Amino acid sequence: SLGDFNMTYWSNEIRSFRQATELENSRRNITLNTFGGPYSHIFYSNDFECIFFQEVRNKDQDGIGIVGTYQFKSRLPIN
């Protein structure tokens, strides 16, 4: 699920959404100088792992989007 939900990832609505859908959040941290907090999100299932996440900014450092890279989780047998 990808989008601008107009809510921060710690809002009750987003937390409830993630709990109900069992989706993971791509963001591992936030930039505190972002006014109002992060509103764009990429959520993904437990079958994947996020290996790259970045906010995209224009030349004036305004946030214009986000990008993420994902891969299937390794399912190696456990001895």
PDB file of N, CA and C in Angstrom:
ATOM      1  N   SER A   1       0.851  -1.172   0.000  1.00  0.00           N
ATOM      2  CA  SER A   1       0.000   0.000   0.000  1.00  0.00           C
ATOM      3  C   SER A   1       0.891   1.228   0.000  1.00  0.00           C
ATOM      4  N   LEU A   2       0.659   2.129  -0.909  1.00  0.00           N
ATOM      5  CA  LEU A   2       1.492   3.311  -1.078  1.00  0.00           C
ATOM      6  C   LEU A   2       0.599   4.523  -1.182  1.00  0.00           C
ATOM      7  N   GLY A   3       0.976   5.607  -0.509  1.00  0.00           N
ATOM      8  CA  GLY A   3       0.186   6.806  -0.681  1.00  0.00           C
ATOM      9  C   GLY A   3       0.482   7.894   0.309  1.00  0.00           C
ATOM     10  N   ASP A   4      -0.129   9.025   0.053  1.00  0.00           N
ATOM     11  CA  ASP A   4      -0.088  10.163   0.963  1.00  0.00           C
ATOM     12  C   ASP A   4      -1.379  10.097   1.760  1.00  0.00           C
ATOM     13  N   PHE A   5      -1.279   9.595   2.974  1.00  0.00           N
ATOM     14  CA  PHE A   5      -2.458   9.361   3.797  1.00  0.00           C
ATOM     15  C   PHE A   5      -2.844  10.581   4.628  1.00  0.00           C
ATOM     16  N   ASN A   6      -2.058  11.662   4.516  1.00  0.00           N
ATOM     17  CA  ASN A   6      -2.308  12.895   5.257  1.00  0.00           C
ATOM     18  C   ASN A   6      -2.327  12.650   6.771  1.00  0.00           C
ATOM     19  N   MET A   7      -1.552  11.643   7.212  1.00  0.00           N
ATOM     20  CA  MET A   7      -1.409  11.311   8.630  1.00  0.00           C
ATOM     21  C   MET A   7       0.022  10.830   8.860  1.00  0.00           C
ATOM     22  N   THR A   8       0.540  11.097  10.027  1.00  0.00           N
ATOM     23  CA  THR A   8       1.855  10.571  10.379  1.00  0.00           C
ATOM     24  C   THR A   8       1.734   9.088  10.703  1.00  0.00           C
ATOM     25  N   TYR A   9       2.855   8.370  10.631  1.00  0.00           N
ATOM     26  CA  TYR A   9       2.783   6.927  10.859  1.00  0.00           C
ATOM     27  C   TYR A   9       2.508   6.559  12.305  1.00  0.00           C
ATOM     28  N   TRP A  10       2.612   7.508  13.222  1.00  0.00           N
ATOM     29  CA  TRP A  10       2.289   7.219  14.621  1.00  0.00           C
ATOM     30  C   TRP A  10       0.860   7.620  14.991  1.00  0.00           C
ATOM     31  N   SER A  11       0.077   8.085  14.022  1.00  0.00           N
ATOM     32  CA  SER A  11      -1.316   8.443  14.304  1.00  0.00           C
ATOM     33  C   SER A  11      -2.109   7.173  14.639  1.00  0.00           C
ATOM     34  N   ASN A  12      -3.162   7.335  15.416  1.00  0.00           N
ATOM     35  CA  ASN A  12      -3.998   6.190  15.795  1.00  0.00           C
ATOM     36  C   ASN A  12      -4.578   5.484  14.579  1.00  0.00           C
ATOM     37  N   GLU A  13      -4.971   6.243  13.565  1.00  0.00           N
ATOM     38  CA  GLU A  13      -5.581   5.647  12.376  1.00  0.00           C
ATOM     39  C   GLU A  13      -4.584   4.777  11.614  1.00  0.00           C
ATOM     40  N   ILE A  14      -3.373   5.274  11.441  1.00  0.00           N
ATOM     41  CA  ILE A  14      -2.354   4.500  10.731  1.00  0.00           C
ATOM     42  C   ILE A  14      -1.951   3.280  11.545  1.00  0.00           C
ATOM     43  N   ARG A  15      -1.788   3.437  12.839  1.00  0.00           N
ATOM     44  CA  ARG A  15      -1.444   2.295  13.686  1.00  0.00           C
ATOM     45  C   ARG A  15      -2.543   1.236  13.646  1.00  0.00           C
ATOM     46  N   SER A  16      -3.803   1.660  13.678  1.00  0.00           N
ATOM     47  CA  SER A  16      -4.925   0.716  13.591  1.00  0.00           C
ATOM     48  C   SER A  16      -4.952   0.023  12.231  1.00  0.00           C
ATOM     49  N   PHE A  17      -4.706   0.784  11.165  1.00  0.00           N
ATOM     50  CA  PHE A  17      -4.651   0.236   9.814  1.00  0.00           C
ATOM     51  C   PHE A  17      -3.572  -0.834   9.717  1.00  0.00           C
ATOM     52  N   ARG A  18      -2.385  -0.528  10.212  1.00  0.00           N
ATOM     53  CA  ARG A  18      -1.278  -1.486  10.156  1.00  0.00           C
ATOM     54  C   ARG A  18      -1.562  -2.735  10.977  1.00  0.00           C
ATOM     55  N   GLN A  19      -2.185  -2.545  12.123  1.00  0.00           N
ATOM     56  CA  GLN A  19      -2.513  -3.701  12.964  1.00  0.00           C
ATOM     57  C   GLN A  19      -3.556  -4.586  12.285  1.00  0.00           C
ATOM     58  N   ALA A  20      -4.581  -3.985  11.702  1.00  0.00           N
ATOM     59  CA  ALA A  20      -5.648  -4.749  11.046  1.00  0.00           C
ATOM     60  C   ALA A  20      -5.154  -5.465   9.797  1.00  0.00           C
ATOM     61  N   THR A  21      -4.226  -4.857   9.054  1.00  0.00           N
ATOM     62  CA  THR A  21      -3.742  -5.440   7.803  1.00  0.00           C
ATOM     63  C   THR A  21      -2.452  -6.232   7.974  1.00  0.00           C
ATOM     64  N   GLU A  22      -1.831  -6.123   9.147  1.00  0.00           N
ATOM     65  CA  GLU A  22      -0.553  -6.773   9.434  1.00  0.00           C
ATOM     66  C   GLU A  22       0.532  -6.350   8.454  1.00  0.00           C
ATOM     67  N   LEU A  23       0.517  -5.083   8.063  1.00  0.00           N
ATOM     68  CA  LEU A  23       1.527  -4.546   7.149  1.00  0.00           C
ATOM     69  C   LEU A  23       2.654  -3.874   7.928  1.00  0.00           C
ATOM     70  N   GLU A  24       3.834  -3.912   7.349  1.00  0.00           N
ATOM     71  CA  GLU A  24       5.016  -3.281   7.925  1.00  0.00           C
ATOM     72  C   GLU A  24       5.147  -1.858   7.391  1.00  0.00           C
ATOM     73  N   ASN A  25       5.853  -1.016   8.131  1.00  0.00           N
ATOM     74  CA  ASN A  25       6.095   0.367   7.730  1.00  0.00           C
ATOM     75  C   ASN A  25       7.502   0.475   7.153  1.00  0.00           C
ATOM     76  N   SER A  26       7.651   1.097   5.995  1.00  0.00           N
ATOM     77  CA  SER A  26       8.958   1.244   5.371  1.00  0.00           C
ATOM     78  C   SER A  26       9.855   2.231   6.104  1.00  0.00           C
ATOM     79  N   ARG A  27       9.261   3.189   6.781  1.00  0.00           N
ATOM     80  CA  ARG A  27      10.057   4.202   7.486  1.00  0.00           C
ATOM     81  C   ARG A  27      10.670   3.611   8.740  1.00  0.00           C
ATOM     82  N   ARG A  28      11.960   3.826   8.890  1.00  0.00           N
ATOM     83  CA  ARG A  28      12.642   3.392  10.101  1.00  0.00           C
ATOM     84  C   ARG A  28      12.967   4.576  10.998  1.00  0.00           C
ATOM     85  N   ASN A  29      12.935   5.760  10.421  1.00  0.00           N
ATOM     86  CA  ASN A  29      13.180   6.971  11.196  1.00  0.00           C
ATOM     87  C   ASN A  29      12.536   8.139  10.466  1.00  0.00           C
ATOM     88  N   ILE A  30      12.525   9.285  11.116  1.00  0.00           N
ATOM     89  CA  ILE A  30      11.959  10.479  10.486  1.00  0.00           C
ATOM     90  C   ILE A  30      12.963  11.601  10.563  1.00  0.00           C
ATOM     91  N   THR A  31      12.817  12.543   9.668  1.00  0.00           N
ATOM     92  CA  THR A  31      13.611  13.759   9.707  1.00  0.00           C
ATOM     93  C   THR A  31      12.835  14.768  10.538  1.00  0.00           C
ATOM     94  N   LEU A  32      13.377  15.121  11.695  1.00  0.00           N
ATOM     95  CA  LEU A  32      12.639  15.979  12.623  1.00  0.00           C
ATOM     96  C   LEU A  32      12.462  17.405  12.116  1.00  0.00           C
ATOM     97  N   ASN A  33      13.249  17.816  11.131  1.00  0.00           N
ATOM     98  CA  ASN A  33      13.069  19.167  10.607  1.00  0.00           C
ATOM     99  C   ASN A  33      11.963  19.245   9.561  1.00  0.00           C
ATOM    100  N   THR A  34      11.291  18.124   9.300  1.00  0.00           N
ATOM    101  CA  THR A  34      10.147  18.107   8.387  1.00  0.00           C
ATOM    102  C   THR A  34       8.944  18.694   9.115  1.00  0.00           C
ATOM    103  N   PHE A  35       8.458  19.819   8.659  1.00  0.00           N
ATOM    104  CA  PHE A  35       7.330  20.477   9.316  1.00  0.00           C
ATOM    105  C   PHE A  35       6.098  19.599   9.203  1.00  0.00           C
ATOM    106  N   GLY A  36       5.486  19.301  10.339  1.00  0.00           N
ATOM    107  CA  GLY A  36       4.254  18.532  10.336  1.00  0.00           C
ATOM    108  C   GLY A  36       4.436  17.033  10.292  1.00  0.00           C
ATOM    109  N   GLY A  37       5.630  16.562  10.030  1.00  0.00           N
ATOM    110  CA  GLY A  37       5.881  15.131  10.032  1.00  0.00           C
ATOM    111  C   GLY A  37       5.681  14.488   8.679  1.00  0.00           C
ATOM    112  N   PRO A  38       6.045  13.202   8.576  1.00  0.00           N
ATOM    113  CA  PRO A  38       5.918  12.485   7.305  1.00  0.00           C
ATOM    114  C   PRO A  38       4.485  12.017   7.057  1.00  0.00           C
ATOM    115  N   TYR A  39       3.973  12.295   5.875  1.00  0.00           N
ATOM    116  CA  TYR A  39       2.606  11.912   5.524  1.00  0.00           C
ATOM    117  C   TYR A  39       2.553  10.869   4.412  1.00  0.00           C
ATOM    118  N   SER A  40       3.650  10.684   3.698  1.00  0.00           N
ATOM    119  CA  SER A  40       3.707   9.674   2.637  1.00  0.00           C
ATOM    120  C   SER A  40       4.241   8.380   3.227  1.00  0.00           C
ATOM    121  N   HIS A  41       3.621   7.277   2.834  1.00  0.00           N
ATOM    122  CA  HIS A  41       3.976   6.001   3.423  1.00  0.00           C
ATOM    123  C   HIS A  41       3.995   4.899   2.366  1.00  0.00           C
ATOM    124  N   ILE A  42       4.837   3.905   2.608  1.00  0.00           N
ATOM    125  CA  ILE A  42       4.789   2.657   1.861  1.00  0.00           C
ATOM    126  C   ILE A  42       4.702   1.556   2.912  1.00  0.00           C
ATOM    127  N   PHE A  43       3.624   0.794   2.868  1.00  0.00           N
ATOM    128  CA  PHE A  43       3.441  -0.333   3.763  1.00  0.00           C
ATOM    129  C   PHE A  43       3.572  -1.613   2.943  1.00  0.00           C
ATOM    130  N   TYR A  44       4.114  -2.651   3.543  1.00  0.00           N
ATOM    131  CA  TYR A  44       4.360  -3.888   2.810  1.00  0.00           C
ATOM    132  C   TYR A  44       4.117  -5.095   3.699  1.00  0.00           C
ATOM    133  N   SER A  45       3.901  -6.241   3.066  1.00  0.00           N
ATOM    134  CA  SER A  45       3.588  -7.459   3.816  1.00  0.00           C
ATOM    135  C   SER A  45       4.848  -8.071   4.414  1.00  0.00           C
ATOM    136  N   ASN A  46       4.630  -8.989   5.316  1.00  0.00           N
ATOM    137  CA  ASN A  46       5.707  -9.669   6.019  1.00  0.00           C
ATOM    138  C   ASN A  46       6.498 -10.606   5.100  1.00  0.00           C
ATOM    139  N   ASP A  47       6.039 -10.824   3.868  1.00  0.00           N
ATOM    140  CA  ASP A  47       6.759 -11.665   2.915  1.00  0.00           C
ATOM    141  C   ASP A  47       7.973 -10.953   2.324  1.00  0.00           C
ATOM    142  N   PHE A  48       8.046  -9.642   2.513  1.00  0.00           N
ATOM    143  CA  PHE A  48       9.114  -8.826   1.945  1.00  0.00           C
ATOM    144  C   PHE A  48       9.946  -8.199   3.051  1.00  0.00           C
ATOM    145  N   GLU A  49      11.083  -7.634   2.643  1.00  0.00           N
ATOM    146  CA  GLU A  49      11.849  -6.786   3.534  1.00  0.00           C
ATOM    147  C   GLU A  49      12.236  -5.526   2.764  1.00  0.00           C
ATOM    148  N   CYS A  50      12.193  -4.417   3.456  1.00  0.00           N
ATOM    149  CA  CYS A  50      12.567  -3.140   2.865  1.00  0.00           C
ATOM    150  C   CYS A  50      14.082  -3.017   2.958  1.00  0.00           C
ATOM    151  N   ILE A  51      14.741  -2.888   1.800  1.00  0.00           N
ATOM    152  CA  ILE A  51      16.190  -2.792   1.805  1.00  0.00           C
ATOM    153  C   ILE A  51      16.679  -1.377   1.503  1.00  0.00           C
ATOM    154  N   PHE A  52      15.756  -0.496   1.112  1.00  0.00           N
ATOM    155  CA  PHE A  52      16.114   0.904   0.860  1.00  0.00           C
ATOM    156  C   PHE A  52      14.852   1.747   0.944  1.00  0.00           C
ATOM    157  N   PHE A  53      14.950   2.885   1.616  1.00  0.00           N
ATOM    158  CA  PHE A  53      13.844   3.834   1.690  1.00  0.00           C
ATOM    159  C   PHE A  53      14.430   5.232   1.728  1.00  0.00           C
ATOM    160  N   GLN A  54      13.862   6.141   0.936  1.00  0.00           N
ATOM    161  CA  GLN A  54      14.386   7.505   0.906  1.00  0.00           C
ATOM    162  C   GLN A  54      13.282   8.486   0.550  1.00  0.00           C
ATOM    163  N   GLU A  55      13.338   9.641   1.187  1.00  0.00           N
ATOM    164  CA  GLU A  55      12.459  10.736   0.789  1.00  0.00           C
ATOM    165  C   GLU A  55      13.089  11.438  -0.405  1.00  0.00           C
ATOM    166  N   VAL A  56      12.286  11.787  -1.387  1.00  0.00           N
ATOM    167  CA  VAL A  56      12.756  12.480  -2.583  1.00  0.00           C
ATOM    168  C   VAL A  56      12.464  13.958  -2.397  1.00  0.00           C
ATOM    169  N   ARG A  57      13.479  14.788  -2.645  1.00  0.00           N
ATOM    170  CA  ARG A  57      13.337  16.236  -2.457  1.00  0.00           C
ATOM    171  C   ARG A  57      13.738  16.972  -3.726  1.00  0.00           C
ATOM    172  N   ASN A  58      13.132  18.135  -3.938  1.00  0.00           N
ATOM    173  CA  ASN A  58      13.514  18.957  -5.083  1.00  0.00           C
ATOM    174  C   ASN A  58      14.734  19.806  -4.714  1.00  0.00           C
ATOM    175  N   LYS A  59      15.144  20.687  -5.613  1.00  0.00           N
ATOM    176  CA  LYS A  59      16.352  21.487  -5.378  1.00  0.00           C
ATOM    177  C   LYS A  59      16.222  22.420  -4.181  1.00  0.00           C
ATOM    178  N   ASP A  60      14.983  22.759  -3.790  1.00  0.00           N
ATOM    179  CA  ASP A  60      14.756  23.609  -2.618  1.00  0.00           C
ATOM    180  C   ASP A  60      14.579  22.792  -1.336  1.00  0.00           C
ATOM    181  N   GLN A  61      14.812  21.484  -1.440  1.00  0.00           N
ATOM    182  CA  GLN A  61      14.688  20.549  -0.325  1.00  0.00           C
ATOM    183  C   GLN A  61      13.250  20.355   0.161  1.00  0.00           C
ATOM    184  N   ASP A  62      12.278  20.638  -0.717  1.00  0.00           N
ATOM    185  CA  ASP A  62      10.879  20.351  -0.413  1.00  0.00           C
ATOM    186  C   ASP A  62      10.616  18.880  -0.720  1.00  0.00           C
ATOM    187  N   GLY A  63       9.900  18.209   0.160  1.00  0.00           N
ATOM    188  CA  GLY A  63       9.561  16.811  -0.075  1.00  0.00           C
ATOM    189  C   GLY A  63       8.599  16.682  -1.245  1.00  0.00           C
ATOM    190  N   ILE A  64       8.960  15.837  -2.215  1.00  0.00           N
ATOM    191  CA  ILE A  64       8.093  15.645  -3.381  1.00  0.00           C
ATOM    192  C   ILE A  64       7.681  14.195  -3.555  1.00  0.00           C
ATOM    193  N   GLY A  65       8.165  13.308  -2.680  1.00  0.00           N
ATOM    194  CA  GLY A  65       7.776  11.909  -2.782  1.00  0.00           C
ATOM    195  C   GLY A  65       8.690  11.016  -1.965  1.00  0.00           C
ATOM    196  N   ILE A  66       8.481   9.721  -2.127  1.00  0.00           N
ATOM    197  CA  ILE A  66       9.298   8.726  -1.450  1.00  0.00           C
ATOM    198  C   ILE A  66       9.558   7.581  -2.419  1.00  0.00           C
ATOM    199  N   VAL A  67      10.615   6.836  -2.141  1.00  0.00           N
ATOM    200  CA  VAL A  67      10.945   5.672  -2.959  1.00  0.00           C
ATOM    201  C   VAL A  67      11.434   4.565  -2.019  1.00  0.00           C
ATOM    202  N   GLY A  68      11.082   3.333  -2.358  1.00  0.00           N
ATOM    203  CA  GLY A  68      11.518   2.190  -1.568  1.00  0.00           C
ATOM    204  C   GLY A  68      11.887   1.036  -2.467  1.00  0.00           C
ATOM    205  N   THR A  69      12.799   0.209  -1.984  1.00  0.00           N
ATOM    206  CA  THR A  69      13.199  -1.003  -2.691  1.00  0.00           C
ATOM    207  C   THR A  69      12.957  -2.178  -1.750  1.00  0.00           C
ATOM    208  N   TYR A  70      12.390  -3.255  -2.294  1.00  0.00           N
ATOM    209  CA  TYR A  70      11.967  -4.392  -1.489  1.00  0.00           C
ATOM    210  C   TYR A  70      12.436  -5.679  -2.132  1.00  0.00           C
ATOM    211  N   GLN A  71      12.613  -6.693  -1.310  1.00  0.00           N
ATOM    212  CA  GLN A  71      12.931  -8.021  -1.825  1.00  0.00           C
ATOM    213  C   GLN A  71      12.185  -9.062  -0.999  1.00  0.00           C
ATOM    214  N   PHE A  72      11.977 -10.227  -1.603  1.00  0.00           N
ATOM    215  CA  PHE A  72      11.373 -11.320  -0.856  1.00  0.00           C
ATOM    216  C   PHE A  72      12.292 -11.692   0.289  1.00  0.00           C
ATOM    217  N   LYS A  73      11.712 -12.012   1.427  1.00  0.00           N
ATOM    218  CA  LYS A  73      12.519 -12.477   2.557  1.00  0.00           C
ATOM    219  C   LYS A  73      13.132 -13.819   2.227  1.00  0.00           C
ATOM    220  N   SER A  74      14.322 -14.012   2.731  1.00  0.00           N
ATOM    221  CA  SER A  74      15.004 -15.290   2.560  1.00  0.00           C
ATOM    222  C   SER A  74      14.291 -16.347   3.393  1.00  0.00           C
ATOM    223  N   ARG A  75      14.024 -17.487   2.813  1.00  0.00           N
ATOM    224  CA  ARG A  75      13.344 -18.575   3.510  1.00  0.00           C
ATOM    225  C   ARG A  75      14.291 -19.778   3.609  1.00  0.00           C
ATOM    226  N   LEU A  76      15.493 -19.544   4.140  1.00  0.00           N
ATOM    227  CA  LEU A  76      16.473 -20.624   4.282  1.00  0.00           C
ATOM    228  C   LEU A  76      16.045 -21.578   5.382  1.00  0.00           C
ATOM    229  N   PRO A  77      16.280 -22.864   5.176  1.00  0.00           N
ATOM    230  CA  PRO A  77      15.912 -23.836   6.228  1.00  0.00           C
ATOM    231  C   PRO A  77      16.770 -23.638   7.482  1.00  0.00           C
ATOM    232  N   ILE A  78      16.144 -23.835   8.614  1.00  0.00           N
ATOM    233  CA  ILE A  78      16.839 -23.703   9.902  1.00  0.00           C
ATOM    234  C   ILE A  78      17.264 -25.096  10.345  1.00  0.00           C
ATOM    235  N   ASN A  79      18.556 -25.272  10.649  1.00  0.00           N
ATOM    236  CA  ASN A  79      19.080 -26.585  11.075  1.00  0.00           C
ATOM    237  C   ASN A  79      18.822 -26.823  12.523  1.00  0.00           C
TER     238      ASN A  79
END
